[in-house]
């Protein structure tokens, strides 16, 4: 435990990471100030010294993870023409699958106060899955201009398919279900096969 009065380096990230571990182990019902601070190894009052209440903490966690996911997809359009279309899409989809952004977002659905805060922040321009979708669409449009994707392909619709499918897999990947990573690889291969020229 951190002694009272001793500052904790990167306390927000430490609390966020602890919350993710609690969620993975116990689900939304196990998340509390006590469980998070206990997992983080710090005093119970630390969370409330940085956040007004648990809803604000959870909302900030969701928004932080969404921001990281969006930033991770920003560079995708610059990779057009490199590797294969299927490989690039699969890499991005697997990164989304491995990220905690969409999974943590499900927590917001269990807390009305969190949902309202996240919605207001995103309406105000906070980055999230819409930005990921736009990055994917921009990448696909760049590949289309290079002739590596069919001219008739609807890039915006394809981007939505990728983001929506990954979100679905995250929400339904419980113990005993098929490996979501393998399902992503198969889905993307079929998507590119149908939308692009051979060898894309």
C-alpha atoms as a PDB file:
ATOM      1  CA  UNK A   1       0.000   0.000   0.000  1.00  0.00           C
ATOM      2  CA  UNK A   2       1.116   3.538  -0.607  1.00  0.00           C
ATOM      3  CA  UNK A   3       1.643   5.371   2.686  1.00  0.00           C
ATOM      4  CA  UNK A   4      -0.684   8.284   3.352  1.00  0.00           C
ATOM      5  CA  UNK A   5       0.717  11.483   1.884  1.00  0.00           C
ATOM      6  CA  UNK A   6       3.163   9.758  -0.466  1.00  0.00           C
ATOM      7  CA  UNK A   7       2.381  10.643  -4.105  1.00  0.00           C
ATOM      8  CA  UNK A   8       1.719   7.800  -6.535  1.00  0.00           C
ATOM      9  CA  UNK A   9       3.254   8.176  -9.995  1.00  0.00           C
ATOM     10  CA  UNK A  10       0.675   8.099 -12.803  1.00  0.00           C
ATOM     11  CA  UNK A  11      -2.130   7.465 -10.335  1.00  0.00           C
ATOM     12  CA  UNK A  12      -4.916   7.768 -12.919  1.00  0.00           C
ATOM     13  CA  UNK A  13      -3.419   5.087 -15.147  1.00  0.00           C
ATOM     14  CA  UNK A  14      -2.683   2.915 -12.134  1.00  0.00           C
ATOM     15  CA  UNK A  15      -6.335   3.115 -11.067  1.00  0.00           C
ATOM     16  CA  UNK A  16      -7.570   2.568 -14.639  1.00  0.00           C
ATOM     17  CA  UNK A  17      -5.412  -0.546 -15.064  1.00  0.00           C
ATOM     18  CA  UNK A  18      -6.601  -1.847 -11.697  1.00  0.00           C
ATOM     19  CA  UNK A  19     -10.234  -1.312 -12.710  1.00  0.00           C
ATOM     20  CA  UNK A  20      -9.669  -3.286 -15.910  1.00  0.00           C
ATOM     21  CA  UNK A  21      -8.267  -6.198 -13.922  1.00  0.00           C
ATOM     22  CA  UNK A  22     -11.228  -6.114 -11.546  1.00  0.00           C
ATOM     23  CA  UNK A  23     -13.649  -6.056 -14.476  1.00  0.00           C
ATOM     24  CA  UNK A  24     -11.899  -8.969 -16.181  1.00  0.00           C
ATOM     25  CA  UNK A  25     -11.997 -11.010 -12.989  1.00  0.00           C
ATOM     26  CA  UNK A  26     -15.342 -10.047 -11.417  1.00  0.00           C
ATOM     27  CA  UNK A  27     -17.381  -8.240 -14.077  1.00  0.00           C
ATOM     28  CA  UNK A  28     -19.144  -4.873 -13.660  1.00  0.00           C
ATOM     29  CA  UNK A  29     -20.778  -5.948 -10.394  1.00  0.00           C
ATOM     30  CA  UNK A  30     -17.381  -6.268  -8.738  1.00  0.00           C
ATOM     31  CA  UNK A  31     -16.272  -2.726  -9.463  1.00  0.00           C
ATOM     32  CA  UNK A  32     -16.192  -0.418  -6.470  1.00  0.00           C
ATOM     33  CA  UNK A  33     -13.901   2.156  -4.940  1.00  0.00           C
ATOM     34  CA  UNK A  34     -12.632  -0.486  -2.514  1.00  0.00           C
ATOM     35  CA  UNK A  35     -11.988  -3.131  -5.191  1.00  0.00           C
ATOM     36  CA  UNK A  36     -10.177  -0.689  -7.492  1.00  0.00           C
ATOM     37  CA  UNK A  37      -7.969   0.909  -4.863  1.00  0.00           C
ATOM     38  CA  UNK A  38      -7.268  -2.479  -3.313  1.00  0.00           C
ATOM     39  CA  UNK A  39      -6.223  -3.858  -6.687  1.00  0.00           C
ATOM     40  CA  UNK A  40      -4.083  -0.768  -7.305  1.00  0.00           C
ATOM     41  CA  UNK A  41      -2.428  -1.131  -3.901  1.00  0.00           C
ATOM     42  CA  UNK A  42      -3.278   2.343  -2.684  1.00  0.00           C
ATOM     43  CA  UNK A  43      -5.378   3.986   0.020  1.00  0.00           C
ATOM     44  CA  UNK A  44      -9.171   3.985  -0.439  1.00  0.00           C
ATOM     45  CA  UNK A  45      -9.297   7.788  -0.530  1.00  0.00           C
ATOM     46  CA  UNK A  46      -6.992   8.066  -3.546  1.00  0.00           C
ATOM     47  CA  UNK A  47      -9.748   7.504  -6.112  1.00  0.00           C
ATOM     48  CA  UNK A  48     -11.925  10.229  -4.625  1.00  0.00           C
ATOM     49  CA  UNK A  49      -9.022  12.663  -4.498  1.00  0.00           C
ATOM     50  CA  UNK A  50      -8.846  12.479  -8.313  1.00  0.00           C
ATOM     51  CA  UNK A  51     -12.483  11.885  -9.277  1.00  0.00           C
ATOM     52  CA  UNK A  52     -15.727  13.309  -7.901  1.00  0.00           C
ATOM     53  CA  UNK A  53     -17.333   9.872  -7.620  1.00  0.00           C
ATOM     54  CA  UNK A  54     -17.210   6.350  -9.049  1.00  0.00           C
ATOM     55  CA  UNK A  55     -19.324   7.332 -12.069  1.00  0.00           C
ATOM     56  CA  UNK A  56     -16.850  10.036 -13.052  1.00  0.00           C
ATOM     57  CA  UNK A  57     -13.993   7.557 -12.613  1.00  0.00           C
ATOM     58  CA  UNK A  58     -15.664   4.958 -14.841  1.00  0.00           C
ATOM     59  CA  UNK A  59     -16.598   7.567 -17.467  1.00  0.00           C
ATOM     60  CA  UNK A  60     -13.013   8.812 -17.593  1.00  0.00           C
ATOM     61  CA  UNK A  61     -11.768   5.226 -17.887  1.00  0.00           C
ATOM     62  CA  UNK A  62     -14.097   4.564 -20.842  1.00  0.00           C
ATOM     63  CA  UNK A  63     -13.134   7.824 -22.571  1.00  0.00           C
ATOM     64  CA  UNK A  64      -9.420   7.234 -21.989  1.00  0.00           C
ATOM     65  CA  UNK A  65      -9.561   3.750 -23.534  1.00  0.00           C
ATOM     66  CA  UNK A  66     -11.642   4.986 -26.461  1.00  0.00           C
ATOM     67  CA  UNK A  67      -9.063   7.724 -27.057  1.00  0.00           C
ATOM     68  CA  UNK A  68      -6.236   5.168 -27.104  1.00  0.00           C
ATOM     69  CA  UNK A  69      -8.099   2.956 -29.578  1.00  0.00           C
ATOM     70  CA  UNK A  70      -8.788   5.917 -31.871  1.00  0.00           C
ATOM     71  CA  UNK A  71      -5.168   7.066 -31.752  1.00  0.00           C
ATOM     72  CA  UNK A  72      -4.000   3.560 -32.576  1.00  0.00           C
ATOM     73  CA  UNK A  73      -6.023   3.575 -35.805  1.00  0.00           C
ATOM     74  CA  UNK A  74      -4.924   7.045 -36.942  1.00  0.00           C
ATOM     75  CA  UNK A  75      -1.873   5.789 -38.823  1.00  0.00           C
ATOM     76  CA  UNK A  76      -3.733   3.178 -40.844  1.00  0.00           C
ATOM     77  CA  UNK A  77      -4.400   5.358 -43.942  1.00  0.00           C
ATOM     78  CA  UNK A  78      -0.647   5.948 -44.239  1.00  0.00           C
ATOM     79  CA  UNK A  79      -0.100   2.199 -44.654  1.00  0.00           C
ATOM     80  CA  UNK A  80      -2.088   2.021 -47.889  1.00  0.00           C
ATOM     81  CA  UNK A  81      -0.105   0.184 -50.552  1.00  0.00           C
ATOM     82  CA  UNK A  82       1.992  -1.663 -47.975  1.00  0.00           C
ATOM     83  CA  UNK A  83       1.544  -5.332 -47.117  1.00  0.00           C
ATOM     84  CA  UNK A  84      -1.892  -6.614 -48.074  1.00  0.00           C
ATOM     85  CA  UNK A  85      -5.320  -5.115 -47.564  1.00  0.00           C
ATOM     86  CA  UNK A  86      -6.412  -8.213 -45.655  1.00  0.00           C
ATOM     87  CA  UNK A  87      -3.283  -8.124 -43.492  1.00  0.00           C
ATOM     88  CA  UNK A  88      -3.678  -4.454 -42.633  1.00  0.00           C
ATOM     89  CA  UNK A  89      -7.379  -4.793 -41.824  1.00  0.00           C
ATOM     90  CA  UNK A  90      -6.765  -7.917 -39.779  1.00  0.00           C
ATOM     91  CA  UNK A  91      -4.001  -6.210 -37.810  1.00  0.00           C
ATOM     92  CA  UNK A  92      -6.252  -3.277 -36.975  1.00  0.00           C
ATOM     93  CA  UNK A  93      -9.202  -5.528 -36.092  1.00  0.00           C
ATOM     94  CA  UNK A  94      -7.020  -7.673 -33.820  1.00  0.00           C
ATOM     95  CA  UNK A  95      -5.666  -4.539 -32.125  1.00  0.00           C
ATOM     96  CA  UNK A  96      -9.247  -3.469 -31.444  1.00  0.00           C
ATOM     97  CA  UNK A  97     -10.023  -6.931 -30.158  1.00  0.00           C
ATOM     98  CA  UNK A  98      -7.032  -6.859 -27.822  1.00  0.00           C
ATOM     99  CA  UNK A  99      -7.759  -3.335 -26.601  1.00  0.00           C
ATOM    100  CA  UNK A 100      -9.970  -2.708 -23.630  1.00  0.00           C
ATOM    101  CA  UNK A 101     -11.829   0.256 -25.120  1.00  0.00           C
ATOM    102  CA  UNK A 102     -14.976  -1.455 -26.429  1.00  0.00           C
ATOM    103  CA  UNK A 103     -14.993  -4.003 -23.615  1.00  0.00           C
ATOM    104  CA  UNK A 104     -14.749  -1.327 -20.933  1.00  0.00           C
ATOM    105  CA  UNK A 105     -17.522   0.574 -22.702  1.00  0.00           C
ATOM    106  CA  UNK A 106     -19.938  -2.199 -21.762  1.00  0.00           C
ATOM    107  CA  UNK A 107     -19.492  -1.064 -18.170  1.00  0.00           C
ATOM    108  CA  UNK A 108     -21.107   2.256 -19.078  1.00  0.00           C
ATOM    109  CA  UNK A 109     -24.277   0.397 -19.976  1.00  0.00           C
ATOM    110  CA  UNK A 110     -24.637  -0.747 -16.374  1.00  0.00           C
ATOM    111  CA  UNK A 111     -24.437   2.777 -14.930  1.00  0.00           C
ATOM    112  CA  UNK A 112     -26.818   5.475 -16.175  1.00  0.00           C
ATOM    113  CA  UNK A 113     -24.628   8.289 -14.848  1.00  0.00           C
ATOM    114  CA  UNK A 114     -21.641   6.958 -16.746  1.00  0.00           C
ATOM    115  CA  UNK A 115     -23.583   6.578 -19.993  1.00  0.00           C
ATOM    116  CA  UNK A 116     -24.732  10.196 -19.797  1.00  0.00           C
ATOM    117  CA  UNK A 117     -21.212  11.496 -19.184  1.00  0.00           C
ATOM    118  CA  UNK A 118     -19.668   9.429 -21.975  1.00  0.00           C
ATOM    119  CA  UNK A 119     -22.408  10.461 -24.407  1.00  0.00           C
ATOM    120  CA  UNK A 120     -21.964  14.141 -23.550  1.00  0.00           C
ATOM    121  CA  UNK A 121     -18.186  13.909 -23.954  1.00  0.00           C
ATOM    122  CA  UNK A 122     -18.451  12.189 -27.323  1.00  0.00           C
ATOM    123  CA  UNK A 123     -21.035  14.704 -28.516  1.00  0.00           C
ATOM    124  CA  UNK A 124     -18.490  17.334 -27.510  1.00  0.00           C
ATOM    125  CA  UNK A 125     -15.822  15.756 -29.719  1.00  0.00           C
ATOM    126  CA  UNK A 126     -14.110  13.171 -27.500  1.00  0.00           C
ATOM    127  CA  UNK A 127     -12.559  10.509 -29.765  1.00  0.00           C
ATOM    128  CA  UNK A 128     -13.833   6.951 -29.899  1.00  0.00           C
ATOM    129  CA  UNK A 129     -15.094   4.271 -32.239  1.00  0.00           C
ATOM    130  CA  UNK A 130     -16.454   6.771 -34.828  1.00  0.00           C
ATOM    131  CA  UNK A 131     -12.877   7.973 -35.320  1.00  0.00           C
ATOM    132  CA  UNK A 132     -11.677   4.376 -35.712  1.00  0.00           C
ATOM    133  CA  UNK A 133     -14.388   3.846 -38.293  1.00  0.00           C
ATOM    134  CA  UNK A 134     -13.327   6.978 -40.178  1.00  0.00           C
ATOM    135  CA  UNK A 135      -9.663   5.912 -40.144  1.00  0.00           C
ATOM    136  CA  UNK A 136     -10.622   2.521 -41.541  1.00  0.00           C
ATOM    137  CA  UNK A 137     -12.759   4.122 -44.256  1.00  0.00           C
ATOM    138  CA  UNK A 138      -9.942   6.518 -45.186  1.00  0.00           C
ATOM    139  CA  UNK A 139      -7.526   3.594 -45.415  1.00  0.00           C
ATOM    140  CA  UNK A 140      -9.895   1.600 -47.631  1.00  0.00           C
ATOM    141  CA  UNK A 141     -10.478   4.623 -49.869  1.00  0.00           C
ATOM    142  CA  UNK A 142      -6.700   5.014 -50.260  1.00  0.00           C
ATOM    143  CA  UNK A 143      -6.403   1.347 -51.218  1.00  0.00           C
ATOM    144  CA  UNK A 144      -9.270   1.809 -53.653  1.00  0.00           C
ATOM    145  CA  UNK A 145      -7.416   4.668 -55.347  1.00  0.00           C
ATOM    146  CA  UNK A 146      -4.375   2.392 -55.648  1.00  0.00           C
ATOM    147  CA  UNK A 147      -6.488  -0.275 -57.319  1.00  0.00           C
ATOM    148  CA  UNK A 148      -6.108  -2.755 -54.475  1.00  0.00           C
ATOM    149  CA  UNK A 149      -9.807  -2.595 -53.637  1.00  0.00           C
ATOM    150  CA  UNK A 150     -12.664  -2.886 -56.112  1.00  0.00           C
ATOM    151  CA  UNK A 151     -14.074   0.341 -57.516  1.00  0.00           C
ATOM    152  CA  UNK A 152     -17.602  -0.608 -56.460  1.00  0.00           C
ATOM    153  CA  UNK A 153     -16.648  -1.236 -52.823  1.00  0.00           C
ATOM    154  CA  UNK A 154     -18.454   0.973 -50.292  1.00  0.00           C
ATOM    155  CA  UNK A 155     -15.522   1.873 -48.032  1.00  0.00           C
ATOM    156  CA  UNK A 156     -17.629   3.487 -45.310  1.00  0.00           C
ATOM    157  CA  UNK A 157     -19.862   0.408 -45.113  1.00  0.00           C
ATOM    158  CA  UNK A 158     -16.844  -1.913 -44.988  1.00  0.00           C
ATOM    159  CA  UNK A 159     -15.317   0.122 -42.159  1.00  0.00           C
ATOM    160  CA  UNK A 160     -18.572  -0.102 -40.221  1.00  0.00           C
ATOM    161  CA  UNK A 161     -18.644  -3.870 -40.808  1.00  0.00           C
ATOM    162  CA  UNK A 162     -15.173  -4.285 -39.323  1.00  0.00           C
ATOM    163  CA  UNK A 163     -15.811  -2.106 -36.268  1.00  0.00           C
ATOM    164  CA  UNK A 164     -19.275  -3.563 -35.682  1.00  0.00           C
ATOM    165  CA  UNK A 165     -18.085  -7.142 -36.015  1.00  0.00           C
ATOM    166  CA  UNK A 166     -15.198  -6.632 -33.592  1.00  0.00           C
ATOM    167  CA  UNK A 167     -17.567  -5.009 -31.102  1.00  0.00           C
ATOM    168  CA  UNK A 168     -19.964  -7.959 -31.459  1.00  0.00           C
ATOM    169  CA  UNK A 169     -17.142 -10.444 -30.880  1.00  0.00           C
ATOM    170  CA  UNK A 170     -16.002  -8.562 -27.778  1.00  0.00           C
ATOM    171  CA  UNK A 171     -19.501  -8.594 -26.352  1.00  0.00           C
ATOM    172  CA  UNK A 172     -20.018 -12.324 -27.000  1.00  0.00           C
ATOM    173  CA  UNK A 173     -16.554 -13.766 -26.279  1.00  0.00           C
ATOM    174  CA  UNK A 174     -17.297 -15.751 -23.136  1.00  0.00           C
ATOM    175  CA  UNK A 175     -15.555 -18.849 -21.863  1.00  0.00           C
ATOM    176  CA  UNK A 176     -16.009 -21.764 -24.237  1.00  0.00           C
ATOM    177  CA  UNK A 177     -16.861 -19.633 -27.267  1.00  0.00           C
ATOM    178  CA  UNK A 178     -14.825 -19.782 -30.469  1.00  0.00           C
ATOM    179  CA  UNK A 179     -11.532 -17.888 -30.513  1.00  0.00           C
ATOM    180  CA  UNK A 180     -12.538 -14.351 -31.578  1.00  0.00           C
ATOM    181  CA  UNK A 181      -9.123 -13.732 -33.182  1.00  0.00           C
ATOM    182  CA  UNK A 182      -9.626 -16.647 -35.553  1.00  0.00           C
ATOM    183  CA  UNK A 183     -13.116 -15.433 -36.368  1.00  0.00           C
ATOM    184  CA  UNK A 184     -11.704 -11.974 -37.170  1.00  0.00           C
ATOM    185  CA  UNK A 185      -9.141 -13.446 -39.556  1.00  0.00           C
ATOM    186  CA  UNK A 186     -11.815 -15.441 -41.374  1.00  0.00           C
ATOM    187  CA  UNK A 187     -14.232 -12.526 -41.518  1.00  0.00           C
ATOM    188  CA  UNK A 188     -11.666 -10.084 -42.903  1.00  0.00           C
ATOM    189  CA  UNK A 189     -10.442 -12.599 -45.489  1.00  0.00           C
ATOM    190  CA  UNK A 190     -14.004 -13.025 -46.765  1.00  0.00           C
ATOM    191  CA  UNK A 191     -14.665  -9.300 -46.709  1.00  0.00           C
ATOM    192  CA  UNK A 192     -11.577  -8.494 -48.781  1.00  0.00           C
ATOM    193  CA  UNK A 193     -12.203 -11.408 -51.129  1.00  0.00           C
ATOM    194  CA  UNK A 194     -15.614  -9.978 -51.907  1.00  0.00           C
ATOM    195  CA  UNK A 195     -14.564  -6.331 -52.148  1.00  0.00           C
ATOM    196  CA  UNK A 196     -11.146  -6.378 -53.743  1.00  0.00           C
ATOM    197  CA  UNK A 197      -9.218  -7.783 -56.665  1.00  0.00           C
ATOM    198  CA  UNK A 198      -7.405 -11.087 -56.277  1.00  0.00           C
ATOM    199  CA  UNK A 199      -4.203 -10.820 -54.300  1.00  0.00           C
ATOM    200  CA  UNK A 200      -5.345  -7.843 -52.210  1.00  0.00           C
END
